[in-house]
N, C-alpha and C. Protein backbone atom coordinates (compact mmCIF):
# COMPACT_ATOMS: atom_id res chain seq x y z
N UNK A 1 -85.22 14.80 100.38
CA UNK A 1 -85.61 14.34 101.72
C UNK A 1 -85.38 15.46 102.71
N UNK A 2 -86.29 15.64 103.61
CA UNK A 2 -86.18 16.73 104.56
C UNK A 2 -85.71 16.22 105.91
N UNK A 3 -85.10 17.12 106.65
CA UNK A 3 -84.65 16.80 107.99
C UNK A 3 -85.42 17.67 108.96
N UNK A 4 -86.09 17.02 109.89
CA UNK A 4 -86.86 17.80 110.86
C UNK A 4 -86.29 17.69 112.26
N UNK A 5 -85.21 16.93 112.41
CA UNK A 5 -84.59 16.84 113.73
C UNK A 5 -83.30 17.65 113.70
N UNK A 6 -82.85 18.04 114.87
CA UNK A 6 -81.65 18.85 114.96
C UNK A 6 -80.43 17.95 114.92
N UNK A 7 -79.75 17.96 113.78
CA UNK A 7 -78.49 17.23 113.65
C UNK A 7 -77.46 18.26 113.21
N UNK A 8 -76.74 18.80 114.16
CA UNK A 8 -75.78 19.85 113.88
C UNK A 8 -74.38 19.38 114.20
N UNK A 9 -73.42 19.87 113.45
CA UNK A 9 -72.03 19.57 113.81
C UNK A 9 -71.73 20.10 115.21
N UNK A 10 -70.76 19.52 115.86
CA UNK A 10 -70.47 19.83 117.25
C UNK A 10 -70.02 21.28 117.46
N UNK A 11 -69.30 21.87 116.55
CA UNK A 11 -68.70 23.19 116.78
C UNK A 11 -69.30 24.24 115.85
N UNK A 12 -70.49 24.74 116.18
CA UNK A 12 -71.09 25.84 115.43
C UNK A 12 -71.14 27.06 116.33
N UNK A 13 -70.87 28.21 115.74
CA UNK A 13 -70.99 29.44 116.52
C UNK A 13 -72.48 29.69 116.79
N UNK A 14 -72.76 30.59 117.72
CA UNK A 14 -74.17 30.90 118.03
C UNK A 14 -74.89 31.41 116.80
N UNK A 15 -74.21 32.21 116.00
CA UNK A 15 -74.81 32.76 114.80
C UNK A 15 -75.12 31.65 113.80
N UNK A 16 -74.16 30.74 113.62
CA UNK A 16 -74.37 29.62 112.70
C UNK A 16 -75.47 28.70 113.21
N UNK A 17 -75.51 28.48 114.52
CA UNK A 17 -76.54 27.63 115.13
C UNK A 17 -77.92 28.24 114.92
N UNK A 18 -78.04 29.55 115.11
CA UNK A 18 -79.31 30.24 114.91
C UNK A 18 -79.76 30.13 113.46
N UNK A 19 -78.82 30.29 112.52
CA UNK A 19 -79.14 30.18 111.09
C UNK A 19 -79.58 28.75 110.76
N UNK A 20 -78.91 27.77 111.34
CA UNK A 20 -79.26 26.37 111.12
C UNK A 20 -80.67 26.08 111.66
N UNK A 21 -80.96 26.55 112.87
CA UNK A 21 -82.28 26.35 113.48
C UNK A 21 -83.37 27.02 112.65
N UNK A 22 -83.07 28.22 112.14
CA UNK A 22 -84.05 28.95 111.31
C UNK A 22 -84.31 28.19 110.02
N UNK A 23 -83.28 27.61 109.43
CA UNK A 23 -83.45 26.84 108.20
C UNK A 23 -84.34 25.62 108.45
N UNK A 24 -84.17 24.98 109.60
CA UNK A 24 -85.01 23.82 109.95
C UNK A 24 -86.46 24.26 110.10
N UNK A 25 -86.71 25.38 110.78
CA UNK A 25 -88.07 25.88 110.96
C UNK A 25 -88.73 26.22 109.62
N UNK A 26 -87.96 26.84 108.74
CA UNK A 26 -88.50 27.19 107.42
C UNK A 26 -88.87 25.93 106.65
N UNK A 27 -88.00 24.92 106.71
CA UNK A 27 -88.28 23.66 106.00
C UNK A 27 -89.51 22.98 106.60
N UNK A 28 -89.68 23.03 107.91
CA UNK A 28 -90.86 22.45 108.54
C UNK A 28 -92.14 23.15 108.08
N UNK A 29 -92.09 24.48 107.96
CA UNK A 29 -93.27 25.22 107.48
C UNK A 29 -93.60 24.83 106.04
N UNK A 30 -92.59 24.69 105.20
CA UNK A 30 -92.80 24.30 103.81
C UNK A 30 -93.41 22.91 103.76
N UNK A 31 -92.85 21.98 104.54
CA UNK A 31 -93.35 20.61 104.55
C UNK A 31 -94.78 20.55 105.09
N UNK A 32 -95.08 21.35 106.11
CA UNK A 32 -96.44 21.38 106.67
C UNK A 32 -97.43 21.87 105.63
N UNK A 33 -97.07 22.92 104.89
CA UNK A 33 -97.95 23.43 103.83
C UNK A 33 -98.17 22.36 102.76
N UNK A 34 -97.13 21.63 102.44
CA UNK A 34 -97.24 20.57 101.43
C UNK A 34 -98.22 19.49 101.90
N UNK A 35 -98.10 19.09 103.16
CA UNK A 35 -98.99 18.06 103.71
C UNK A 35 -100.42 18.57 103.74
N UNK A 36 -100.61 19.81 104.17
CA UNK A 36 -101.95 20.38 104.28
C UNK A 36 -102.56 20.72 102.93
N UNK A 37 -101.75 20.71 101.87
CA UNK A 37 -102.28 21.04 100.56
C UNK A 37 -103.22 19.95 100.04
N UNK A 38 -103.18 18.79 100.67
CA UNK A 38 -104.09 17.70 100.31
C UNK A 38 -105.20 17.61 101.35
N UNK A 39 -106.41 17.41 100.89
CA UNK A 39 -107.56 17.35 101.78
C UNK A 39 -107.52 16.08 102.63
N UNK A 40 -108.30 16.10 103.69
CA UNK A 40 -108.38 14.95 104.59
C UNK A 40 -108.83 13.70 103.84
N UNK A 41 -109.76 13.86 102.89
CA UNK A 41 -110.24 12.71 102.11
C UNK A 41 -109.12 12.10 101.27
N UNK A 42 -108.21 12.91 100.78
CA UNK A 42 -107.08 12.40 100.00
C UNK A 42 -106.18 11.56 100.89
N UNK A 43 -105.97 12.00 102.12
CA UNK A 43 -105.15 11.21 103.05
C UNK A 43 -105.82 9.88 103.38
N UNK A 44 -107.15 9.86 103.44
CA UNK A 44 -107.86 8.59 103.65
C UNK A 44 -107.68 7.67 102.45
N UNK A 45 -107.70 8.24 101.23
CA UNK A 45 -107.46 7.43 100.02
C UNK A 45 -106.05 6.85 100.05
N UNK A 46 -105.09 7.68 100.48
CA UNK A 46 -103.70 7.20 100.56
C UNK A 46 -103.60 6.06 101.57
N UNK A 47 -104.27 6.22 102.70
CA UNK A 47 -104.26 5.16 103.72
C UNK A 47 -104.82 3.86 103.15
N UNK A 48 -105.96 3.93 102.47
CA UNK A 48 -106.57 2.73 101.88
C UNK A 48 -105.67 2.12 100.81
N UNK A 49 -105.09 2.98 99.97
CA UNK A 49 -104.18 2.50 98.93
C UNK A 49 -102.98 1.79 99.56
N UNK A 50 -102.43 2.39 100.62
CA UNK A 50 -101.27 1.81 101.29
C UNK A 50 -101.57 0.43 101.87
N UNK A 51 -102.79 0.29 102.42
CA UNK A 51 -103.21 -1.00 102.99
C UNK A 51 -103.38 -2.04 101.87
N UNK A 52 -104.08 -1.65 100.80
CA UNK A 52 -104.36 -2.58 99.70
C UNK A 52 -103.11 -2.97 98.92
N UNK A 53 -102.22 -2.01 98.70
CA UNK A 53 -101.03 -2.28 97.90
C UNK A 53 -99.91 -2.90 98.74
N UNK A 54 -99.97 -2.70 100.04
CA UNK A 54 -98.90 -3.20 100.91
C UNK A 54 -97.65 -2.32 100.87
N UNK A 55 -97.74 -1.16 100.22
CA UNK A 55 -96.57 -0.29 100.11
C UNK A 55 -96.39 0.67 101.28
N UNK A 56 -97.41 0.76 102.13
CA UNK A 56 -97.27 1.55 103.36
C UNK A 56 -97.37 0.60 104.55
N UNK A 57 -96.42 0.73 105.46
CA UNK A 57 -96.46 -0.09 106.67
C UNK A 57 -97.68 0.30 107.51
N UNK A 58 -98.01 -0.55 108.46
CA UNK A 58 -99.12 -0.24 109.38
C UNK A 58 -98.85 1.09 110.08
N UNK A 59 -97.59 1.31 110.42
CA UNK A 59 -97.18 2.55 111.08
C UNK A 59 -97.52 3.77 110.21
N UNK A 60 -97.17 3.72 108.93
CA UNK A 60 -97.44 4.85 108.04
C UNK A 60 -98.93 4.98 107.73
N UNK A 61 -99.65 3.87 107.69
CA UNK A 61 -101.10 3.94 107.51
C UNK A 61 -101.74 4.68 108.68
N UNK A 62 -101.24 4.41 109.86
CA UNK A 62 -101.74 5.08 111.06
C UNK A 62 -101.47 6.58 110.97
N UNK A 63 -100.30 6.95 110.44
CA UNK A 63 -100.01 8.37 110.27
C UNK A 63 -100.93 9.02 109.25
N UNK A 64 -101.29 8.30 108.19
CA UNK A 64 -102.26 8.83 107.21
C UNK A 64 -103.57 9.15 107.92
N UNK A 65 -104.02 8.22 108.74
CA UNK A 65 -105.26 8.42 109.48
C UNK A 65 -105.14 9.64 110.39
N UNK A 66 -104.03 9.75 111.10
CA UNK A 66 -103.81 10.87 112.01
C UNK A 66 -103.73 12.20 111.29
N UNK A 67 -103.03 12.23 110.17
CA UNK A 67 -102.90 13.46 109.39
C UNK A 67 -104.27 13.88 108.86
N UNK A 68 -105.05 12.92 108.40
CA UNK A 68 -106.40 13.21 107.92
C UNK A 68 -107.21 13.90 109.01
N UNK A 69 -107.17 13.35 110.21
CA UNK A 69 -107.91 13.93 111.33
C UNK A 69 -107.40 15.31 111.71
N UNK A 70 -106.08 15.48 111.70
CA UNK A 70 -105.51 16.78 112.08
C UNK A 70 -105.85 17.84 111.04
N UNK A 71 -105.91 17.46 109.78
CA UNK A 71 -106.30 18.43 108.75
C UNK A 71 -107.76 18.79 108.92
N UNK A 72 -108.60 17.78 109.13
CA UNK A 72 -110.04 18.01 109.28
C UNK A 72 -110.33 18.91 110.48
N UNK A 73 -109.59 18.70 111.57
CA UNK A 73 -109.85 19.45 112.81
C UNK A 73 -108.92 20.65 113.01
N UNK A 74 -108.07 20.90 112.02
CA UNK A 74 -107.12 22.02 112.07
C UNK A 74 -106.24 21.97 113.32
N UNK A 75 -105.67 20.79 113.59
CA UNK A 75 -104.77 20.59 114.73
C UNK A 75 -103.33 20.74 114.25
N UNK A 76 -102.50 21.34 115.08
CA UNK A 76 -101.10 21.58 114.74
C UNK A 76 -100.35 20.25 114.57
N UNK A 77 -99.48 20.20 113.57
CA UNK A 77 -98.66 19.01 113.32
C UNK A 77 -97.43 19.03 114.22
N UNK A 78 -97.07 17.86 114.70
CA UNK A 78 -95.83 17.69 115.45
C UNK A 78 -94.72 17.35 114.46
N UNK A 79 -93.46 17.42 114.90
CA UNK A 79 -92.34 17.14 114.00
C UNK A 79 -92.42 15.74 113.40
N UNK A 80 -92.82 14.75 114.19
CA UNK A 80 -92.90 13.39 113.68
C UNK A 80 -94.04 13.24 112.67
N UNK A 81 -95.11 14.03 112.81
CA UNK A 81 -96.19 14.02 111.81
C UNK A 81 -95.66 14.53 110.47
N UNK A 82 -94.89 15.60 110.54
CA UNK A 82 -94.35 16.21 109.33
C UNK A 82 -93.39 15.25 108.64
N UNK A 83 -92.48 14.68 109.40
CA UNK A 83 -91.50 13.77 108.82
C UNK A 83 -92.17 12.56 108.17
N UNK A 84 -93.12 11.96 108.86
CA UNK A 84 -93.81 10.79 108.30
C UNK A 84 -94.73 11.18 107.14
N UNK A 85 -95.35 12.35 107.21
CA UNK A 85 -96.21 12.82 106.12
C UNK A 85 -95.42 12.99 104.83
N UNK A 86 -94.23 13.58 104.93
CA UNK A 86 -93.38 13.77 103.75
C UNK A 86 -92.91 12.42 103.23
N UNK A 87 -92.57 11.51 104.13
CA UNK A 87 -92.15 10.17 103.73
C UNK A 87 -93.27 9.47 102.96
N UNK A 88 -94.50 9.60 103.45
CA UNK A 88 -95.66 8.99 102.79
C UNK A 88 -95.87 9.61 101.41
N UNK A 89 -95.79 10.94 101.33
CA UNK A 89 -95.99 11.60 100.03
C UNK A 89 -94.94 11.17 99.02
N UNK A 90 -93.70 10.98 99.47
CA UNK A 90 -92.66 10.53 98.55
C UNK A 90 -92.94 9.12 98.03
N UNK A 91 -93.44 8.24 98.90
CA UNK A 91 -93.79 6.88 98.47
C UNK A 91 -94.93 6.93 97.46
N UNK A 92 -95.93 7.75 97.75
CA UNK A 92 -97.09 7.85 96.84
C UNK A 92 -96.66 8.46 95.51
N UNK A 93 -95.82 9.49 95.54
CA UNK A 93 -95.36 10.11 94.29
C UNK A 93 -94.63 9.12 93.41
N UNK A 94 -93.88 8.19 94.00
CA UNK A 94 -93.14 7.20 93.23
C UNK A 94 -94.02 6.08 92.70
N UNK A 95 -95.06 5.69 93.46
CA UNK A 95 -95.82 4.50 93.12
C UNK A 95 -97.24 4.74 92.62
N UNK A 96 -97.87 5.82 93.04
CA UNK A 96 -99.26 6.09 92.62
C UNK A 96 -99.53 7.59 92.63
N UNK A 97 -98.84 8.34 91.76
CA UNK A 97 -99.00 9.80 91.77
C UNK A 97 -100.42 10.26 91.45
N UNK A 98 -101.20 9.41 90.79
CA UNK A 98 -102.58 9.78 90.45
C UNK A 98 -103.44 9.98 91.70
N UNK A 99 -103.05 9.40 92.83
CA UNK A 99 -103.79 9.62 94.09
C UNK A 99 -103.73 11.07 94.55
N UNK A 100 -102.68 11.77 94.14
CA UNK A 100 -102.48 13.13 94.62
C UNK A 100 -103.16 14.17 93.73
N UNK A 101 -103.79 13.71 92.67
CA UNK A 101 -104.51 14.64 91.80
C UNK A 101 -105.91 14.80 92.36
N UNK A 102 -106.23 16.02 92.73
CA UNK A 102 -107.54 16.32 93.32
C UNK A 102 -108.60 16.33 92.24
N UNK A 103 -109.68 15.62 92.50
CA UNK A 103 -110.81 15.64 91.59
C UNK A 103 -111.69 16.82 91.95
N UNK A 104 -112.09 17.61 90.95
CA UNK A 104 -112.96 18.74 91.28
C UNK A 104 -114.28 18.26 91.85
N UNK A 105 -114.74 18.96 92.87
CA UNK A 105 -115.99 18.58 93.50
C UNK A 105 -117.14 19.17 92.71
N UNK A 106 -118.07 18.30 92.35
CA UNK A 106 -119.23 18.74 91.60
C UNK A 106 -120.31 19.14 92.59
N UNK A 107 -120.83 20.33 92.41
CA UNK A 107 -121.88 20.80 93.30
C UNK A 107 -123.15 20.01 93.04
N UNK A 108 -123.82 19.66 94.11
CA UNK A 108 -125.07 18.91 94.00
C UNK A 108 -126.14 19.83 93.41
N UNK A 109 -126.66 19.51 92.22
CA UNK A 109 -127.66 20.39 91.62
C UNK A 109 -128.97 20.43 92.40
N UNK A 110 -129.19 19.41 93.23
CA UNK A 110 -130.42 19.35 94.01
C UNK A 110 -130.29 20.04 95.37
N UNK A 111 -129.06 20.45 95.72
CA UNK A 111 -128.85 21.08 97.02
C UNK A 111 -129.54 22.44 97.03
N UNK A 112 -130.29 22.68 98.07
CA UNK A 112 -131.02 23.93 98.18
C UNK A 112 -130.12 25.01 98.78
N UNK A 113 -130.16 26.18 98.17
CA UNK A 113 -129.38 27.31 98.66
C UNK A 113 -130.32 28.21 99.45
N UNK A 114 -129.94 28.48 100.68
CA UNK A 114 -130.78 29.30 101.55
C UNK A 114 -130.26 30.72 101.57
N UNK A 115 -131.15 31.71 101.44
CA UNK A 115 -130.68 33.10 101.52
C UNK A 115 -130.22 33.40 102.94
N UNK A 116 -129.12 34.14 103.05
CA UNK A 116 -128.64 34.51 104.38
C UNK A 116 -129.58 35.56 104.96
N UNK A 117 -130.14 35.24 106.09
CA UNK A 117 -131.09 36.14 106.74
C UNK A 117 -130.35 37.18 107.57
N UNK A 118 -130.81 38.42 107.48
CA UNK A 118 -130.28 39.46 108.34
C UNK A 118 -130.88 39.24 109.73
N UNK A 119 -130.06 39.32 110.74
CA UNK A 119 -130.52 39.09 112.11
C UNK A 119 -131.20 40.36 112.61
N UNK A 120 -132.54 40.31 112.63
CA UNK A 120 -133.34 41.43 113.15
C UNK A 120 -134.31 40.86 114.18
N UNK A 121 -134.93 41.75 114.93
CA UNK A 121 -135.89 41.31 115.94
C UNK A 121 -137.05 40.56 115.31
N UNK A 122 -137.53 41.02 114.14
CA UNK A 122 -138.64 40.36 113.46
C UNK A 122 -138.27 38.93 113.04
N UNK A 123 -137.08 38.78 112.46
CA UNK A 123 -136.61 37.44 112.04
C UNK A 123 -136.48 36.54 113.26
N UNK A 124 -135.88 37.05 114.33
CA UNK A 124 -135.69 36.26 115.54
C UNK A 124 -137.02 35.84 116.15
N UNK A 125 -137.99 36.76 116.19
CA UNK A 125 -139.31 36.41 116.74
C UNK A 125 -139.97 35.31 115.93
N UNK A 126 -139.92 35.42 114.59
CA UNK A 126 -140.51 34.36 113.76
C UNK A 126 -139.77 33.03 113.97
N UNK A 127 -138.46 33.10 114.10
CA UNK A 127 -137.66 31.88 114.28
C UNK A 127 -138.01 31.18 115.59
N UNK A 128 -138.14 31.94 116.68
CA UNK A 128 -138.45 31.27 117.95
C UNK A 128 -139.89 30.75 117.95
N UNK A 129 -140.80 31.45 117.28
CA UNK A 129 -142.18 30.95 117.18
C UNK A 129 -142.19 29.64 116.39
N UNK A 130 -141.44 29.59 115.30
CA UNK A 130 -141.37 28.38 114.48
C UNK A 130 -140.74 27.24 115.28
N UNK A 131 -139.67 27.55 116.01
CA UNK A 131 -138.98 26.50 116.76
C UNK A 131 -139.78 26.01 117.97
N UNK A 132 -140.67 26.85 118.51
CA UNK A 132 -141.54 26.39 119.60
C UNK A 132 -142.37 25.19 119.13
N UNK A 133 -142.83 25.25 117.88
CA UNK A 133 -143.65 24.18 117.32
C UNK A 133 -142.82 22.98 116.87
N UNK A 134 -141.67 23.26 116.24
CA UNK A 134 -140.90 22.21 115.57
C UNK A 134 -139.74 21.64 116.38
N UNK A 135 -139.30 22.35 117.40
CA UNK A 135 -138.26 21.88 118.32
C UNK A 135 -137.02 21.30 117.60
N UNK A 136 -136.38 22.13 116.80
CA UNK A 136 -135.18 21.69 116.06
C UNK A 136 -133.89 22.14 116.74
N UNK A 137 -133.93 23.25 117.45
CA UNK A 137 -132.73 23.78 118.10
C UNK A 137 -132.50 23.11 119.45
N UNK A 138 -131.25 23.08 119.85
CA UNK A 138 -130.92 22.64 121.20
C UNK A 138 -131.45 23.70 122.16
N UNK A 139 -131.78 23.32 123.38
CA UNK A 139 -132.34 24.29 124.33
C UNK A 139 -131.48 25.54 124.52
N UNK A 140 -130.16 25.37 124.55
CA UNK A 140 -129.30 26.53 124.77
C UNK A 140 -129.35 27.49 123.57
N UNK A 141 -129.47 26.93 122.36
CA UNK A 141 -129.56 27.77 121.16
C UNK A 141 -130.90 28.48 121.11
N UNK A 142 -131.96 27.76 121.46
CA UNK A 142 -133.29 28.37 121.49
C UNK A 142 -133.30 29.52 122.50
N UNK A 143 -132.73 29.27 123.67
CA UNK A 143 -132.71 30.29 124.72
C UNK A 143 -131.94 31.53 124.27
N UNK A 144 -130.84 31.32 123.55
CA UNK A 144 -130.05 32.44 123.03
C UNK A 144 -130.90 33.28 122.08
N UNK A 145 -131.58 32.62 121.13
CA UNK A 145 -132.42 33.36 120.19
C UNK A 145 -133.56 34.08 120.92
N UNK A 146 -134.17 33.41 121.89
CA UNK A 146 -135.27 34.01 122.64
C UNK A 146 -134.79 35.24 123.41
N UNK A 147 -133.63 35.15 124.04
CA UNK A 147 -133.09 36.29 124.78
C UNK A 147 -132.79 37.47 123.86
N UNK A 148 -132.33 37.18 122.65
CA UNK A 148 -132.08 38.26 121.69
C UNK A 148 -133.40 38.86 121.21
N UNK A 149 -134.37 38.01 120.92
CA UNK A 149 -135.66 38.47 120.40
C UNK A 149 -136.40 39.31 121.45
N UNK A 150 -136.29 38.92 122.70
CA UNK A 150 -136.97 39.65 123.78
C UNK A 150 -136.12 40.79 124.33
N UNK A 151 -134.97 41.02 123.67
CA UNK A 151 -134.04 42.10 124.01
C UNK A 151 -133.47 41.98 125.43
N UNK A 152 -133.38 40.75 125.91
CA UNK A 152 -132.70 40.52 127.20
C UNK A 152 -131.18 40.55 126.99
N UNK A 153 -130.76 40.24 125.75
CA UNK A 153 -129.35 40.32 125.38
C UNK A 153 -129.24 41.30 124.22
N UNK A 154 -128.13 42.06 124.16
CA UNK A 154 -127.97 43.03 123.07
C UNK A 154 -127.61 42.33 121.75
N UNK A 155 -127.95 42.97 120.65
CA UNK A 155 -127.62 42.43 119.33
C UNK A 155 -126.21 42.91 118.93
N UNK A 156 -125.20 42.40 119.64
CA UNK A 156 -123.81 42.73 119.32
C UNK A 156 -123.42 41.95 118.07
N UNK A 157 -122.28 42.29 117.48
CA UNK A 157 -121.82 41.57 116.29
C UNK A 157 -121.65 40.08 116.58
N UNK A 158 -121.07 39.75 117.74
CA UNK A 158 -120.86 38.35 118.10
C UNK A 158 -122.19 37.63 118.26
N UNK A 159 -123.16 38.26 118.94
CA UNK A 159 -124.47 37.64 119.13
C UNK A 159 -125.20 37.47 117.80
N UNK A 160 -125.03 38.43 116.89
CA UNK A 160 -125.64 38.31 115.56
C UNK A 160 -125.03 37.13 114.79
N UNK A 161 -123.72 36.96 114.94
CA UNK A 161 -123.05 35.85 114.26
C UNK A 161 -123.59 34.51 114.77
N UNK A 162 -123.71 34.36 116.08
CA UNK A 162 -124.23 33.13 116.67
C UNK A 162 -125.68 32.91 116.26
N UNK A 163 -126.48 33.98 116.29
CA UNK A 163 -127.88 33.88 115.88
C UNK A 163 -127.96 33.48 114.41
N UNK A 164 -127.06 34.01 113.58
CA UNK A 164 -127.03 33.67 112.15
C UNK A 164 -126.81 32.18 111.93
N UNK A 165 -125.90 31.59 112.72
CA UNK A 165 -125.64 30.14 112.60
C UNK A 165 -126.91 29.37 112.96
N UNK A 166 -127.58 29.79 114.02
CA UNK A 166 -128.80 29.10 114.44
C UNK A 166 -129.91 29.27 113.41
N UNK A 167 -129.98 30.44 112.77
CA UNK A 167 -130.98 30.65 111.72
C UNK A 167 -130.70 29.75 110.52
N UNK A 168 -129.42 29.53 110.20
CA UNK A 168 -129.06 28.62 109.11
C UNK A 168 -129.54 27.21 109.43
N UNK A 169 -129.37 26.78 110.66
CA UNK A 169 -129.84 25.45 111.07
C UNK A 169 -131.35 25.36 110.90
N UNK A 170 -132.05 26.38 111.36
CA UNK A 170 -133.51 26.38 111.23
C UNK A 170 -133.95 26.37 109.77
N UNK A 171 -133.24 27.10 108.91
CA UNK A 171 -133.58 27.11 107.50
C UNK A 171 -133.42 25.72 106.89
N UNK A 172 -132.37 25.02 107.26
CA UNK A 172 -132.16 23.66 106.74
C UNK A 172 -133.23 22.71 107.23
N UNK A 173 -133.84 23.05 108.37
CA UNK A 173 -134.91 22.21 108.93
C UNK A 173 -136.30 22.63 108.41
N UNK A 174 -136.36 23.69 107.61
CA UNK A 174 -137.64 24.06 107.03
C UNK A 174 -138.17 25.44 107.38
N UNK A 175 -137.47 26.19 108.22
CA UNK A 175 -137.94 27.54 108.58
C UNK A 175 -137.79 28.48 107.39
N UNK A 176 -138.84 29.24 107.14
CA UNK A 176 -138.79 30.27 106.09
C UNK A 176 -139.29 31.57 106.69
N UNK A 177 -138.47 32.61 106.52
CA UNK A 177 -138.84 33.92 107.02
C UNK A 177 -139.85 34.57 106.07
N UNK A 178 -140.92 35.09 106.63
CA UNK A 178 -141.94 35.79 105.84
C UNK A 178 -142.02 37.21 106.35
N UNK A 179 -141.49 38.17 105.55
CA UNK A 179 -141.52 39.58 106.00
C UNK A 179 -142.96 40.05 106.26
N UNK A 180 -143.09 40.84 107.31
CA UNK A 180 -144.43 41.32 107.69
C UNK A 180 -144.89 42.46 106.80
């Protein structure tokens, strides 16, 4: 069982207090890594299992939901998240350890793989021409691509990265680059 709150004896020297605080921080990092080692979907399974089995209180089910969201959105855990997450994992390990075994994800054989397009003026021009007809991009994204294609904005590394994301969206919507 881990301790994430400061419970120190009354008479510790500054050096001993610093060592104690450092030990708590190290344990919190270890516990956080343990919690994050499970995907958000696994935490949702734990929440459902806890509800169905009655082995997790409503309070702990709520923490499963919160941990799932924080993992999905990469939000920092608070001390109470860590403490409750470890408590939940201990309950699951005792009663349903099979929930913690990750199933390998099978790649969809029908999923189409799109080649990563190099961001060039020719690609950008074709993309904005295609999007004029098909209107798949948000106006701000279209405007960004148009400004790059018309050289109103420079093709910096950051702008190329943003343009690349927009080109991926267009490819998923049916855009295909045809070299001239």
